[in-house]
Structures are given as structure tokens and as C-alpha cells.
Amino acid sequence: MRDYGKVSPQFWIGETGKRLRKAGTEAQVVALYLMTCSHSNMIGLYYLPVMYIAHETGLGMEGALKGLQRASEAGFCQYDETTEMVWVTNPVA
């Protein structure tokens, strides 16, 4: 597990960041979590059950699902419910 995660100011002011803002607070929290959580890696493809997101962000299952769906709609990530794999396709470098 890594010791830190780097987050660019573009997270808040870049094109994807603006789409995440429009998608709502849950989408922003989930996106930030996906970039910095202990489960993530350099390639942005990793196993992550939704219950991990719910517990570690405090959003609960409903909020985690909503945030993940909206972050996906904003073009930030993709999630496969069958395999519970997330792919951060646009990490707001």
C-alpha cells in the first residue's frame, strides 16, 4: 500500500472536475476516493466492492452507488458490478 496520493488542482477546475461538480457531491467524493484510496494503483484498474466505498467514505451504500454512477456518467470511471472492478479512465491529472 502506498503512503500518499497526489491530487492535482485540476480535480476542482479542469474539464472533468467541472463535470464531476455538476454530477453532485457524491460524485466528487467518490472520484477523490478512487484516486486516493488504499486499494488504488498506478494503472487505475482494481478490485473495489461498493461496500468499501460506502464504509470508507461514510456515504453509505445508497450514496456510494449514486456517486459511482454519476462519476461514471461524468466520464471519470467505469465500474463492472459483476467483477466489482473499477477503472479510473480519466484521473483528472
Protein backbone atom coordinates (compact mmCIF):
# COMPACT_ATOMS: atom_id res chain seq x y z
CA MET A 1 0.00 0.00 0.00
CA ARG A 2 1.29 3.45 -0.84
CA ASP A 3 1.78 6.20 1.73
CA TYR A 4 0.16 9.08 -0.14
CA GLY A 5 -1.86 10.05 -3.19
CA LYS A 6 -1.26 13.11 -5.35
CA VAL A 7 -4.30 15.17 -6.34
CA SER A 8 -3.94 17.87 -8.97
CA PRO A 9 -5.72 21.23 -8.64
CA GLN A 10 -7.33 20.25 -11.97
CA PHE A 11 -9.57 17.98 -9.91
CA TRP A 12 -11.54 21.11 -8.99
CA ILE A 13 -11.10 23.36 -12.04
CA GLY A 14 -10.41 21.09 -15.01
CA GLU A 15 -12.95 19.87 -17.55
CA THR A 16 -13.58 16.56 -15.80
CA GLY A 17 -13.59 18.30 -12.43
CA LYS A 18 -16.33 20.63 -13.62
CA ARG A 19 -18.37 17.66 -14.88
CA LEU A 20 -17.94 15.97 -11.50
CA ARG A 21 -19.09 19.14 -9.73
CA LYS A 22 -22.24 19.20 -11.86
CA ALA A 23 -22.76 15.50 -11.10
CA GLY A 24 -23.03 16.27 -7.39
CA THR A 25 -21.18 15.98 -4.10
CA GLU A 26 -21.33 12.18 -4.02
CA ALA A 27 -19.63 12.01 -7.43
CA GLN A 28 -16.85 14.32 -6.25
CA VAL A 29 -16.31 12.34 -3.04
CA VAL A 30 -16.25 9.01 -4.88
CA ALA A 31 -13.88 10.36 -7.55
CA LEU A 32 -11.47 11.72 -4.95
CA TYR A 33 -11.71 8.43 -3.06
CA LEU A 34 -10.97 6.41 -6.22
CA MET A 35 -7.78 8.43 -6.79
CA THR A 36 -6.52 8.22 -3.21
CA CYS A 37 -7.86 5.05 -1.56
CA SER A 38 -5.51 2.31 -0.37
CA HIS A 39 -6.97 -0.08 -2.96
CA SER A 40 -5.98 2.05 -5.98
CA ASN A 41 -2.89 1.63 -8.15
CA MET A 42 -1.00 3.40 -10.92
CA ILE A 43 -2.98 1.91 -13.79
CA GLY A 44 -6.36 2.77 -12.26
CA LEU A 45 -7.86 -0.71 -12.62
CA TYR A 46 -8.55 -2.56 -9.40
CA TYR A 47 -10.97 -4.65 -7.36
CA LEU A 48 -13.25 -2.47 -5.25
CA PRO A 49 -16.58 -3.65 -3.83
CA VAL A 50 -19.08 -0.80 -3.43
CA MET A 51 -19.31 -1.58 0.29
CA TYR A 52 -15.65 -0.48 0.63
CA ILE A 53 -16.55 2.89 -0.88
CA ALA A 54 -19.63 3.16 1.33
CA HIS A 55 -17.74 2.38 4.52
CA GLU A 56 -14.52 4.30 3.89
CA THR A 57 -16.23 7.49 2.65
CA GLY A 58 -19.16 7.40 5.07
CA LEU A 59 -21.61 7.80 2.17
CA GLY A 60 -23.49 4.59 2.91
CA MET A 61 -24.46 2.13 0.18
CA GLU A 62 -27.02 4.44 -1.45
CA GLY A 63 -24.63 7.39 -1.59
CA ALA A 64 -21.72 5.26 -2.79
CA LEU A 65 -23.80 3.75 -5.60
CA LYS A 66 -25.14 7.18 -6.58
CA GLY A 67 -21.67 8.72 -6.55
CA LEU A 68 -20.14 5.88 -8.53
CA GLN A 69 -22.90 6.03 -11.15
CA ARG A 70 -22.61 9.80 -11.53
CA ALA A 71 -18.80 9.72 -11.63
CA SER A 72 -19.14 7.15 -14.40
CA GLU A 73 -21.65 9.33 -16.27
CA ALA A 74 -19.20 12.25 -15.94
CA GLY A 75 -16.58 10.19 -17.77
CA PHE A 76 -14.32 9.72 -14.76
CA CYS A 77 -14.52 5.96 -14.34
CA GLN A 78 -16.22 2.71 -15.29
CA TYR A 79 -17.46 0.06 -12.86
CA ASP A 80 -18.29 -3.58 -13.51
CA GLU A 81 -20.80 -4.79 -10.92
CA THR A 82 -20.24 -8.46 -11.75
CA THR A 83 -16.48 -8.47 -11.12
CA GLU A 84 -16.52 -5.45 -8.75
CA MET A 85 -13.68 -3.91 -10.73
CA VAL A 86 -13.30 -0.17 -11.15
CA TRP A 87 -11.35 1.51 -13.94
CA VAL A 88 -10.45 5.16 -13.47
CA THR A 89 -10.39 6.20 -17.12
CA ASN A 90 -9.90 9.94 -16.62
CA PRO A 91 -7.98 10.59 -13.36
CA VAL A 92 -8.03 14.41 -13.67
CA ALA A 93 -4.25 14.51 -13.95
